[in-house]
């Protein structure tokens, strides 16, 4: 998924928990689903950023020397401008883009 095209807001919004829990029926399960998806998004963004910044890494003999690369700084800033992973996950949950399975205890006993 291209996270740069996410429709998630960049600022935190107050959400109505009653609306969010309609799909699952439980506040805690809803938060767990959104939290797990946020972790997945965060890990994917970190891997993507690390892969892009790997091109700029240079073995340095002296730790005192620090080179500023404008492209590297611009890449880092573009990732900083993205909405937070929790906001993206919440927006995906609201837009019904997440697939999740919930099981009740009664179903597990049968």
PDB file of N, CA and C in Angstrom:
ATOM      1  N   UNK A   1       0.842  -1.178   0.000  1.00  0.00           N
ATOM      2  CA  UNK A   1       0.000   0.000   0.000  1.00  0.00           C
ATOM      3  C   UNK A   1       0.882   1.234   0.000  1.00  0.00           C
ATOM      4  N   UNK A   2       0.464   2.226  -0.739  1.00  0.00           N
ATOM      5  CA  UNK A   2       1.217   3.463  -0.796  1.00  0.00           C
ATOM      6  C   UNK A   2       0.719   4.379   0.322  1.00  0.00           C
ATOM      7  N   UNK A   3       1.512   4.468   1.374  1.00  0.00           N
ATOM      8  CA  UNK A   3       1.112   5.238   2.543  1.00  0.00           C
ATOM      9  C   UNK A   3       1.166   6.739   2.293  1.00  0.00           C
ATOM     10  N   UNK A   4       1.868   7.144   1.265  1.00  0.00           N
ATOM     11  CA  UNK A   4       1.957   8.570   0.963  1.00  0.00           C
ATOM     12  C   UNK A   4       0.640   9.107   0.403  1.00  0.00           C
ATOM     13  N   UNK A   5      -0.206   8.213  -0.082  1.00  0.00           N
ATOM     14  CA  UNK A   5      -1.497   8.624  -0.630  1.00  0.00           C
ATOM     15  C   UNK A   5      -2.634   8.372   0.358  1.00  0.00           C
ATOM     16  N   UNK A   6      -2.301   8.184   1.605  1.00  0.00           N
ATOM     17  CA  UNK A   6      -3.300   7.906   2.632  1.00  0.00           C
ATOM     18  C   UNK A   6      -4.210   9.117   2.832  1.00  0.00           C
ATOM     19  N   UNK A   7      -5.494   8.823   3.064  1.00  0.00           N
ATOM     20  CA  UNK A   7      -6.456   9.892   3.313  1.00  0.00           C
ATOM     21  C   UNK A   7      -6.549  10.225   4.801  1.00  0.00           C
ATOM     22  N   UNK A   8      -5.684   9.660   5.589  1.00  0.00           N
ATOM     23  CA  UNK A   8      -5.725   9.884   7.037  1.00  0.00           C
ATOM     24  C   UNK A   8      -5.354  11.330   7.353  1.00  0.00           C
ATOM     25  N   UNK A   9      -6.009  11.903   8.358  1.00  0.00           N
ATOM     26  CA  UNK A   9      -5.659  13.281   8.745  1.00  0.00           C
ATOM     27  C   UNK A   9      -4.276  13.321   9.384  1.00  0.00           C
ATOM     28  N   UNK A  10      -3.613  14.440   9.265  1.00  0.00           N
ATOM     29  CA  UNK A  10      -2.277  14.570   9.842  1.00  0.00           C
ATOM     30  C   UNK A  10      -2.326  14.991  11.306  1.00  0.00           C
ATOM     31  N   UNK A  11      -3.470  15.468  11.744  1.00  0.00           N
ATOM     32  CA  UNK A  11      -3.655  15.860  13.137  1.00  0.00           C
ATOM     33  C   UNK A  11      -4.593  14.877  13.822  1.00  0.00           C
ATOM     34  N   UNK A  12      -4.464  14.795  15.108  1.00  0.00           N
ATOM     35  CA  UNK A  12      -5.312  13.903  15.882  1.00  0.00           C
ATOM     36  C   UNK A  12      -6.740  14.430  15.926  1.00  0.00           C
ATOM     37  N   UNK A  13      -7.686  13.538  15.714  1.00  0.00           N
ATOM     38  CA  UNK A  13      -9.104  13.886  15.762  1.00  0.00           C
ATOM     39  C   UNK A  13      -9.778  13.097  16.882  1.00  0.00           C
ATOM     40  N   UNK A  14     -10.781  13.690  17.471  1.00  0.00           N
ATOM     41  CA  UNK A  14     -11.573  12.985  18.463  1.00  0.00           C
ATOM     42  C   UNK A  14     -12.587  12.122  17.725  1.00  0.00           C
ATOM     43  N   UNK A  15     -12.599  10.856  18.039  1.00  0.00           N
ATOM     44  CA  UNK A  15     -13.500   9.911  17.373  1.00  0.00           C
ATOM     45  C   UNK A  15     -14.592   9.468  18.336  1.00  0.00           C
ATOM     46  N   UNK A  16     -15.745   9.165  17.791  1.00  0.00           N
ATOM     47  CA  UNK A  16     -16.837   8.624  18.580  1.00  0.00           C
ATOM     48  C   UNK A  16     -16.614   7.123  18.713  1.00  0.00           C
ATOM     49  N   UNK A  17     -16.311   6.666  19.915  1.00  0.00           N
ATOM     50  CA  UNK A  17     -16.007   5.253  20.136  1.00  0.00           C
ATOM     51  C   UNK A  17     -17.222   4.363  19.872  1.00  0.00           C
ATOM     52  N   UNK A  18     -18.410   4.891  20.060  1.00  0.00           N
ATOM     53  CA  UNK A  18     -19.606   4.093  19.775  1.00  0.00           C
ATOM     54  C   UNK A  18     -19.690   3.739  18.295  1.00  0.00           C
ATOM     55  N   UNK A  19     -19.317   4.677  17.432  1.00  0.00           N
ATOM     56  CA  UNK A  19     -19.303   4.400  15.996  1.00  0.00           C
ATOM     57  C   UNK A  19     -18.204   3.410  15.641  1.00  0.00           C
ATOM     58  N   UNK A  20     -17.040   3.555  16.254  1.00  0.00           N
ATOM     59  CA  UNK A  20     -15.932   2.654  15.947  1.00  0.00           C
ATOM     60  C   UNK A  20     -16.213   1.222  16.386  1.00  0.00           C
ATOM     61  N   UNK A  21     -16.913   1.070  17.490  1.00  0.00           N
ATOM     62  CA  UNK A  21     -17.133  -0.274  18.023  1.00  0.00           C
ATOM     63  C   UNK A  21     -18.343  -0.985  17.419  1.00  0.00           C
ATOM     64  N   UNK A  22     -19.071  -0.342  16.529  1.00  0.00           N
ATOM     65  CA  UNK A  22     -20.236  -0.979  15.918  1.00  0.00           C
ATOM     66  C   UNK A  22     -19.854  -2.230  15.132  1.00  0.00           C
ATOM     67  N   UNK A  23     -18.730  -2.203  14.448  1.00  0.00           N
ATOM     68  CA  UNK A  23     -18.323  -3.335  13.611  1.00  0.00           C
ATOM     69  C   UNK A  23     -17.927  -4.552  14.440  1.00  0.00           C
ATOM     70  N   UNK A  24     -17.248  -4.312  15.555  1.00  0.00           N
ATOM     71  CA  UNK A  24     -16.711  -5.403  16.354  1.00  0.00           C
ATOM     72  C   UNK A  24     -17.590  -5.697  17.562  1.00  0.00           C
ATOM     73  N   UNK A  25     -18.104  -4.650  18.169  1.00  0.00           N
ATOM     74  CA  UNK A  25     -18.967  -4.824  19.310  1.00  0.00           C
ATOM     75  C   UNK A  25     -18.259  -4.710  20.652  1.00  0.00           C
ATOM     76  N   UNK A  26     -16.974  -4.495  20.625  1.00  0.00           N
ATOM     77  CA  UNK A  26     -16.202  -4.431  21.858  1.00  0.00           C
ATOM     78  C   UNK A  26     -15.123  -3.360  21.699  1.00  0.00           C
ATOM     79  N   UNK A  27     -15.023  -2.470  22.663  1.00  0.00           N
ATOM     80  CA  UNK A  27     -14.045  -1.378  22.600  1.00  0.00           C
ATOM     81  C   UNK A  27     -12.621  -1.932  22.580  1.00  0.00           C
ATOM     82  N   UNK A  28     -12.362  -2.913  23.428  1.00  0.00           N
ATOM     83  CA  UNK A  28     -11.005  -3.433  23.568  1.00  0.00           C
ATOM     84  C   UNK A  28     -10.544  -4.169  22.321  1.00  0.00           C
ATOM     85  N   UNK A  29     -11.443  -4.925  21.700  1.00  0.00           N
ATOM     86  CA  UNK A  29     -11.083  -5.602  20.460  1.00  0.00           C
ATOM     87  C   UNK A  29     -10.843  -4.595  19.345  1.00  0.00           C
ATOM     88  N   UNK A  30     -11.647  -3.537  19.305  1.00  0.00           N
ATOM     89  CA  UNK A  30     -11.468  -2.490  18.300  1.00  0.00           C
ATOM     90  C   UNK A  30     -10.103  -1.838  18.442  1.00  0.00           C
ATOM     91  N   UNK A  31      -9.744  -1.496  19.666  1.00  0.00           N
ATOM     92  CA  UNK A  31      -8.447  -0.869  19.916  1.00  0.00           C
ATOM     93  C   UNK A  31      -7.313  -1.843  19.582  1.00  0.00           C
ATOM     94  N   UNK A  32      -7.491  -3.124  19.889  1.00  0.00           N
ATOM     95  CA  UNK A  32      -6.461  -4.120  19.582  1.00  0.00           C
ATOM     96  C   UNK A  32      -6.271  -4.268  18.074  1.00  0.00           C
ATOM     97  N   UNK A  33      -7.361  -4.273  17.324  1.00  0.00           N
ATOM     98  CA  UNK A  33      -7.277  -4.399  15.864  1.00  0.00           C
ATOM     99  C   UNK A  33      -6.559  -3.197  15.270  1.00  0.00           C
ATOM    100  N   UNK A  34      -6.952  -2.009  15.691  1.00  0.00           N
ATOM    101  CA  UNK A  34      -6.316  -0.792  15.172  1.00  0.00           C
ATOM    102  C   UNK A  34      -4.852  -0.743  15.603  1.00  0.00           C
ATOM    103  N   UNK A  35      -4.556  -1.147  16.821  1.00  0.00           N
ATOM    104  CA  UNK A  35      -3.177  -1.141  17.314  1.00  0.00           C
ATOM    105  C   UNK A  35      -2.280  -2.100  16.554  1.00  0.00           C
ATOM    106  N   UNK A  36      -2.788  -3.296  16.251  1.00  0.00           N
ATOM    107  CA  UNK A  36      -1.988  -4.267  15.491  1.00  0.00           C
ATOM    108  C   UNK A  36      -1.712  -3.763  14.080  1.00  0.00           C
ATOM    109  N   UNK A  37      -2.717  -3.152  13.471  1.00  0.00           N
ATOM    110  CA  UNK A  37      -2.520  -2.610  12.129  1.00  0.00           C
ATOM    111  C   UNK A  37      -1.549  -1.436  12.152  1.00  0.00           C
ATOM    112  N   UNK A  38      -1.616  -0.615  13.200  1.00  0.00           N
ATOM    113  CA  UNK A  38      -0.688   0.508  13.327  1.00  0.00           C
ATOM    114  C   UNK A  38       0.743   0.005  13.447  1.00  0.00           C
ATOM    115  N   UNK A  39       0.952  -1.081  14.177  1.00  0.00           N
ATOM    116  CA  UNK A  39       2.293  -1.672  14.274  1.00  0.00           C
ATOM    117  C   UNK A  39       2.778  -2.174  12.921  1.00  0.00           C
ATOM    118  N   UNK A  40       1.888  -2.792  12.145  1.00  0.00           N
ATOM    119  CA  UNK A  40       2.258  -3.261  10.810  1.00  0.00           C
ATOM    120  C   UNK A  40       2.654  -2.098   9.911  1.00  0.00           C
ATOM    121  N   UNK A  41       1.876  -1.035   9.944  1.00  0.00           N
ATOM    122  CA  UNK A  41       2.183   0.143   9.123  1.00  0.00           C
ATOM    123  C   UNK A  41       3.501   0.760   9.554  1.00  0.00           C
ATOM    124  N   UNK A  42       3.694   0.894  10.849  1.00  0.00           N
ATOM    125  CA  UNK A  42       4.921   1.487  11.374  1.00  0.00           C
ATOM    126  C   UNK A  42       6.150   0.684  10.960  1.00  0.00           C
ATOM    127  N   UNK A  43       6.054  -0.636  11.062  1.00  0.00           N
ATOM    128  CA  UNK A  43       7.182  -1.485  10.658  1.00  0.00           C
ATOM    129  C   UNK A  43       7.448  -1.390   9.160  1.00  0.00           C
ATOM    130  N   UNK A  44       6.396  -1.340   8.362  1.00  0.00           N
ATOM    131  CA  UNK A  44       6.574  -1.235   6.914  1.00  0.00           C
ATOM    132  C   UNK A  44       7.214   0.100   6.536  1.00  0.00           C
ATOM    133  N   UNK A  45       6.770   1.178   7.176  1.00  0.00           N
ATOM    134  CA  UNK A  45       7.365   2.491   6.892  1.00  0.00           C
ATOM    135  C   UNK A  45       8.823   2.540   7.314  1.00  0.00           C
ATOM    136  N   UNK A  46       9.136   1.928   8.439  1.00  0.00           N
ATOM    137  CA  UNK A  46      10.520   1.921   8.916  1.00  0.00           C
ATOM    138  C   UNK A  46      11.420   1.143   7.964  1.00  0.00           C
ATOM    139  N   UNK A  47      10.961  -0.016   7.492  1.00  0.00           N
ATOM    140  CA  UNK A  47      11.745  -0.801   6.537  1.00  0.00           C
ATOM    141  C   UNK A  47      11.964  -0.030   5.236  1.00  0.00           C
ATOM    142  N   UNK A  48      10.899   0.633   4.781  1.00  0.00           N
ATOM    143  CA  UNK A  48      10.985   1.403   3.539  1.00  0.00           C
ATOM    144  C   UNK A  48      11.965   2.563   3.679  1.00  0.00           C
ATOM    145  N   UNK A  49      11.887   3.277   4.800  1.00  0.00           N
ATOM    146  CA  UNK A  49      12.791   4.394   5.039  1.00  0.00           C
ATOM    147  C   UNK A  49      14.228   3.919   5.183  1.00  0.00           C
ATOM    148  N   UNK A  50      14.437   2.828   5.924  1.00  0.00           N
ATOM    149  CA  UNK A  50      15.790   2.291   6.080  1.00  0.00           C
ATOM    150  C   UNK A  50      16.385   1.867   4.742  1.00  0.00           C
ATOM    151  N   UNK A  51      15.554   1.287   3.879  1.00  0.00           N
ATOM    152  CA  UNK A  51      16.041   0.872   2.560  1.00  0.00           C
ATOM    153  C   UNK A  51      16.458   2.076   1.718  1.00  0.00           C
ATOM    154  N   UNK A  52      15.683   3.153   1.803  1.00  0.00           N
ATOM    155  CA  UNK A  52      16.031   4.351   1.032  1.00  0.00           C
ATOM    156  C   UNK A  52      17.279   5.037   1.589  1.00  0.00           C
ATOM    157  N   UNK A  53      17.415   5.043   2.905  1.00  0.00           N
ATOM    158  CA  UNK A  53      18.569   5.705   3.517  1.00  0.00           C
ATOM    159  C   UNK A  53      19.829   4.850   3.446  1.00  0.00           C
ATOM    160  N   UNK A  54      19.666   3.565   3.153  1.00  0.00           N
ATOM    161  CA  UNK A  54      20.829   2.675   3.032  1.00  0.00           C
ATOM    162  C   UNK A  54      21.731   3.118   1.878  1.00  0.00           C
ATOM    163  N   UNK A  55      21.153   3.719   0.864  1.00  0.00           N
ATOM    164  CA  UNK A  55      21.931   4.193  -0.274  1.00  0.00           C
ATOM    165  C   UNK A  55      22.914   5.289   0.132  1.00  0.00           C
ATOM    166  N   UNK A  56      22.583   6.019   1.173  1.00  0.00           N
ATOM    167  CA  UNK A  56      23.401   7.150   1.580  1.00  0.00           C
ATOM    168  C   UNK A  56      24.436   6.786   2.638  1.00  0.00           C
ATOM    169  N   UNK A  57      24.346   5.588   3.166  1.00  0.00           N
ATOM    170  CA  UNK A  57      25.286   5.225   4.233  1.00  0.00           C
ATOM    171  C   UNK A  57      26.674   5.014   3.656  1.00  0.00           C
ATOM    172  N   UNK A  58      27.641   5.556   4.350  1.00  0.00           N
ATOM    173  CA  UNK A  58      29.032   5.437   3.943  1.00  0.00           C
ATOM    174  C   UNK A  58      29.832   5.005   5.161  1.00  0.00           C
ATOM    175  N   UNK A  59      30.723   4.071   4.960  1.00  0.00           N
ATOM    176  CA  UNK A  59      31.567   3.704   6.103  1.00  0.00           C
ATOM    177  C   UNK A  59      32.463   4.885   6.460  1.00  0.00           C
ATOM    178  N   UNK A  60      32.378   5.308   7.709  1.00  0.00           N
ATOM    179  CA  UNK A  60      33.164   6.458   8.142  1.00  0.00           C
ATOM    180  C   UNK A  60      34.196   6.003   9.154  1.00  0.00           C
ATOM    181  N   UNK A  61      35.430   6.430   8.919  1.00  0.00           N
ATOM    182  CA  UNK A  61      36.493   6.096   9.862  1.00  0.00           C
ATOM    183  C   UNK A  61      36.435   7.007  11.068  1.00  0.00           C
ATOM    184  N   UNK A  62      36.113   8.245  10.838  1.00  0.00           N
ATOM    185  CA  UNK A  62      36.063   9.202  11.936  1.00  0.00           C
ATOM    186  C   UNK A  62      34.612   9.526  12.257  1.00  0.00           C
ATOM    187  N   UNK A  63      34.244   9.381  13.491  1.00  0.00           N
ATOM    188  CA  UNK A  63      32.877   9.679  13.901  1.00  0.00           C
ATOM    189  C   UNK A  63      32.616  11.177  13.936  1.00  0.00           C
ATOM    190  N   UNK A  64      33.665  11.970  13.993  1.00  0.00           N
ATOM    191  CA  UNK A  64      33.497  13.415  14.060  1.00  0.00           C
ATOM    192  C   UNK A  64      33.012  13.997  12.742  1.00  0.00           C
ATOM    193  N   UNK A  65      33.319  13.337  11.658  1.00  0.00           N
ATOM    194  CA  UNK A  65      32.936  13.849  10.357  1.00  0.00           C
ATOM    195  C   UNK A  65      31.465  13.551  10.094  1.00  0.00           C
ATOM    196  N   UNK A  66      30.744  14.568   9.784  1.00  0.00           N
ATOM    197  CA  UNK A  66      29.327  14.413   9.498  1.00  0.00           C
ATOM    198  C   UNK A  66      29.027  15.132   8.188  1.00  0.00           C
ATOM    199  N   UNK A  67      28.514  14.367   7.237  1.00  0.00           N
ATOM    200  CA  UNK A  67      28.198  14.943   5.941  1.00  0.00           C
ATOM    201  C   UNK A  67      26.698  15.151   5.845  1.00  0.00           C
ATOM    202  N   UNK A  68      26.312  16.323   5.421  1.00  0.00           N
ATOM    203  CA  UNK A  68      24.904  16.612   5.217  1.00  0.00           C
ATOM    204  C   UNK A  68      24.562  16.373   3.753  1.00  0.00           C
ATOM    205  N   UNK A  69      23.636  15.534   3.537  1.00  0.00           N
ATOM    206  CA  UNK A  69      23.184  15.251   2.194  1.00  0.00           C
ATOM    207  C   UNK A  69      21.755  15.759   2.076  1.00  0.00           C
ATOM    208  N   UNK A  70      21.523  16.674   1.158  1.00  0.00           N
ATOM    209  CA  UNK A  70      20.203  17.298   1.027  1.00  0.00           C
ATOM    210  C   UNK A  70      19.132  16.293   0.630  1.00  0.00           C
ATOM    211  N   UNK A  71      19.492  15.328  -0.201  1.00  0.00           N
ATOM    212  CA  UNK A  71      18.517  14.319  -0.605  1.00  0.00           C
ATOM    213  C   UNK A  71      18.099  13.460   0.586  1.00  0.00           C
ATOM    214  N   UNK A  72      19.064  13.098   1.401  1.00  0.00           N
ATOM    215  CA  UNK A  72      18.788  12.290   2.586  1.00  0.00           C
ATOM    216  C   UNK A  72      17.881  13.048   3.554  1.00  0.00           C
ATOM    217  N   UNK A  73      18.153  14.312   3.740  1.00  0.00           N
ATOM    218  CA  UNK A  73      17.334  15.136   4.627  1.00  0.00           C
ATOM    219  C   UNK A  73      15.922  15.268   4.076  1.00  0.00           C
ATOM    220  N   UNK A  74      15.792  15.440   2.776  1.00  0.00           N
ATOM    221  CA  UNK A  74      14.469  15.583   2.162  1.00  0.00           C
ATOM    222  C   UNK A  74      13.660  14.290   2.285  1.00  0.00           C
ATOM    223  N   UNK A  75      14.299  13.135   2.130  1.00  0.00           N
ATOM    224  CA  UNK A  75      13.614  11.856   2.295  1.00  0.00           C
ATOM    225  C   UNK A  75      13.116  11.714   3.730  1.00  0.00           C
ATOM    226  N   UNK A  76      13.957  12.044   4.680  1.00  0.00           N
ATOM    227  CA  UNK A  76      13.568  11.955   6.091  1.00  0.00           C
ATOM    228  C   UNK A  76      12.400  12.892   6.400  1.00  0.00           C
ATOM    229  N   UNK A  77      12.446  14.075   5.875  1.00  0.00           N
ATOM    230  CA  UNK A  77      11.366  15.040   6.112  1.00  0.00           C
ATOM    231  C   UNK A  77      10.055  14.585   5.489  1.00  0.00           C
ATOM    232  N   UNK A  78      10.136  13.955   4.319  1.00  0.00           N
ATOM    233  CA  UNK A  78       8.903  13.486   3.682  1.00  0.00           C
ATOM    234  C   UNK A  78       8.229  12.407   4.526  1.00  0.00           C
ATOM    235  N   UNK A  79       9.023  11.571   5.184  1.00  0.00           N
ATOM    236  CA  UNK A  79       8.433  10.553   6.059  1.00  0.00           C
ATOM    237  C   UNK A  79       7.917  11.171   7.358  1.00  0.00           C
ATOM    238  N   UNK A  80       8.533  12.237   7.808  1.00  0.00           N
ATOM    239  CA  UNK A  80       8.057  12.912   9.007  1.00  0.00           C
ATOM    240  C   UNK A  80       6.723  13.607   8.762  1.00  0.00           C
ATOM    241  N   UNK A  81       6.472  14.015   7.525  1.00  0.00           N
ATOM    242  CA  UNK A  81       5.228  14.705   7.187  1.00  0.00           C
ATOM    243  C   UNK A  81       4.040  13.755   7.064  1.00  0.00           C
ATOM    244  N   UNK A  82       4.297  12.468   6.935  1.00  0.00           N
ATOM    245  CA  UNK A  82       3.208  11.507   6.807  1.00  0.00           C
ATOM    246  C   UNK A  82       2.391  11.453   8.090  1.00  0.00           C
ATOM    247  N   UNK A  83       1.123  11.095   7.982  1.00  0.00           N
ATOM    248  CA  UNK A  83       0.321  10.915   9.203  1.00  0.00           C
ATOM    249  C   UNK A  83       0.900   9.778  10.042  1.00  0.00           C
ATOM    250  N   UNK A  84       0.639   9.811  11.319  1.00  0.00           N
ATOM    251  CA  UNK A  84       1.123   8.762  12.209  1.00  0.00           C
ATOM    252  C   UNK A  84       0.446   7.438  11.867  1.00  0.00           C
ATOM    253  N   UNK A  85       1.103   6.357  12.211  1.00  0.00           N
ATOM    254  CA  UNK A  85       0.603   5.025  11.875  1.00  0.00           C
ATOM    255  C   UNK A  85      -0.753   4.745  12.516  1.00  0.00           C
ATOM    256  N   UNK A  86      -0.967   5.242  13.724  1.00  0.00           N
ATOM    257  CA  UNK A  86      -2.260   5.020  14.373  1.00  0.00           C
ATOM    258  C   UNK A  86      -3.386   5.739  13.641  1.00  0.00           C
ATOM    259  N   UNK A  87      -3.096   6.918  13.118  1.00  0.00           N
ATOM    260  CA  UNK A  87      -4.125   7.646  12.359  1.00  0.00           C
ATOM    261  C   UNK A  87      -4.435   6.939  11.046  1.00  0.00           C
ATOM    262  N   UNK A  88      -3.403   6.391  10.394  1.00  0.00           N
ATOM    263  CA  UNK A  88      -3.629   5.649   9.159  1.00  0.00           C
ATOM    264  C   UNK A  88      -4.436   4.379   9.427  1.00  0.00           C
ATOM    265  N   UNK A  89      -4.100   3.678  10.503  1.00  0.00           N
ATOM    266  CA  UNK A  89      -4.811   2.443  10.836  1.00  0.00           C
ATOM    267  C   UNK A  89      -6.269   2.729  11.188  1.00  0.00           C
ATOM    268  N   UNK A  90      -6.502   3.796  11.923  1.00  0.00           N
ATOM    269  CA  UNK A  90      -7.875   4.163  12.278  1.00  0.00           C
ATOM    270  C   UNK A  90      -8.669   4.516  11.033  1.00  0.00           C
ATOM    271  N   UNK A  91      -8.067   5.237  10.108  1.00  0.00           N
ATOM    272  CA  UNK A  91      -8.763   5.601   8.871  1.00  0.00           C
ATOM    273  C   UNK A  91      -9.072   4.359   8.041  1.00  0.00           C
ATOM    274  N   UNK A  92      -8.145   3.407   7.985  1.00  0.00           N
ATOM    275  CA  UNK A  92      -8.403   2.157   7.270  1.00  0.00           C
ATOM    276  C   UNK A  92      -9.554   1.395   7.917  1.00  0.00           C
ATOM    277  N   UNK A  93      -9.605   1.405   9.246  1.00  0.00           N
ATOM    278  CA  UNK A  93     -10.681   0.727   9.964  1.00  0.00           C
ATOM    279  C   UNK A  93     -12.031   1.374   9.657  1.00  0.00           C
ATOM    280  N   UNK A  94     -12.063   2.686   9.639  1.00  0.00           N
ATOM    281  CA  UNK A  94     -13.302   3.412   9.357  1.00  0.00           C
ATOM    282  C   UNK A  94     -13.755   3.178   7.917  1.00  0.00           C
ATOM    283  N   UNK A  95     -12.798   3.134   6.983  1.00  0.00           N
ATOM    284  CA  UNK A  95     -13.118   2.962   5.566  1.00  0.00           C
ATOM    285  C   UNK A  95     -13.342   1.502   5.173  1.00  0.00           C
ATOM    286  N   UNK A  96     -13.369   0.592   6.142  1.00  0.00           N
ATOM    287  CA  UNK A  96     -13.561  -0.847   5.903  1.00  0.00           C
ATOM    288  C   UNK A  96     -12.495  -1.437   4.987  1.00  0.00           C
ATOM    289  N   UNK A  97     -11.265  -1.015   5.152  1.00  0.00           N
ATOM    290  CA  UNK A  97     -10.169  -1.551   4.364  1.00  0.00           C
ATOM    291  C   UNK A  97      -9.385  -2.616   5.130  1.00  0.00           C
ATOM    292  N   UNK A  98      -9.751  -2.879   6.374  1.00  0.00           N
ATOM    293  CA  UNK A  98      -9.061  -3.878   7.181  1.00  0.00           C
ATOM    294  C   UNK A  98      -9.852  -5.174   7.200  1.00  0.00           C
ATOM    295  N   UNK A  99      -9.122  -6.271   7.120  1.00  0.00           N
ATOM    296  CA  UNK A  99      -9.742  -7.576   7.287  1.00  0.00           C
ATOM    297  C   UNK A  99      -9.300  -8.104   8.639  1.00  0.00           C
ATOM    298  N   UNK A 100     -10.259  -8.523   9.435  1.00  0.00           N
ATOM    299  CA  UNK A 100      -9.929  -9.061  10.750  1.00  0.00           C
ATOM    300  C   UNK A 100     -10.941 -10.135  11.099  1.00  0.00           C
ATOM    301  N   UNK A 101     -10.497 -11.026  11.961  1.00  0.00           N
ATOM    302  CA  UNK A 101     -11.371 -12.087  12.440  1.00  0.00           C
ATOM    303  C   UNK A 101     -11.497 -11.940  13.941  1.00  0.00           C
ATOM    304  N   UNK A 102     -12.701 -12.050  14.410  1.00  0.00           N
ATOM    305  CA  UNK A 102     -12.930 -12.056  15.846  1.00  0.00           C
ATOM    306  C   UNK A 102     -13.619 -13.357  16.191  1.00  0.00           C
ATOM    307  N   UNK A 103     -13.272 -13.897  17.301  1.00  0.00           N
ATOM    308  CA  UNK A 103     -13.896 -15.130  17.748  1.00  0.00           C
ATOM    309  C   UNK A 103     -14.380 -14.972  19.168  1.00  0.00           C
ATOM    310  N   UNK A 104     -15.593 -15.368  19.383  1.00  0.00           N
ATOM    311  CA  UNK A 104     -16.096 -15.301  20.748  1.00  0.00           C
ATOM    312  C   UNK A 104     -15.728 -16.589  21.468  1.00  0.00           C
ATOM    313  N   UNK A 105     -15.849 -16.580  22.755  1.00  0.00           N
ATOM    314  CA  UNK A 105     -15.487 -17.758  23.551  1.00  0.00           C
ATOM    315  C   UNK A 105     -16.443 -18.915  23.248  1.00  0.00           C
ATOM    316  N   UNK A 106     -17.691 -18.616  22.961  1.00  0.00           N
ATOM    317  CA  UNK A 106     -18.651 -19.675  22.640  1.00  0.00           C
ATOM    318  C   UNK A 106     -18.248 -20.420  21.370  1.00  0.00           C
ATOM    319  N   UNK A 107     -17.755 -19.684  20.376  1.00  0.00           N
ATOM    320  CA  UNK A 107     -17.322 -20.317  19.123  1.00  0.00           C
ATOM    321  C   UNK A 107     -16.088 -21.157  19.344  1.00  0.00           C
ATOM    322  N   UNK A 108     -15.216 -20.756  20.242  1.00  0.00           N
ATOM    323  CA  UNK A 108     -13.994 -21.517  20.471  1.00  0.00           C
ATOM    324  C   UNK A 108     -14.272 -22.814  21.217  1.00  0.00           C
ATOM    325  N   UNK A 109     -15.316 -22.848  22.017  1.00  0.00           N
ATOM    326  CA  UNK A 109     -15.630 -24.046  22.790  1.00  0.00           C
ATOM    327  C   UNK A 109     -16.271 -25.132  21.934  1.00  0.00           C
ATOM    328  N   UNK A 110     -16.892 -24.771  20.847  1.00  0.00           N
ATOM    329  CA  UNK A 110     -17.577 -25.765  20.004  1.00  0.00           C
ATOM    330  C   UNK A 110     -16.640 -26.524  19.121  1.00  0.00           C
TER     331      UNK A 110
END
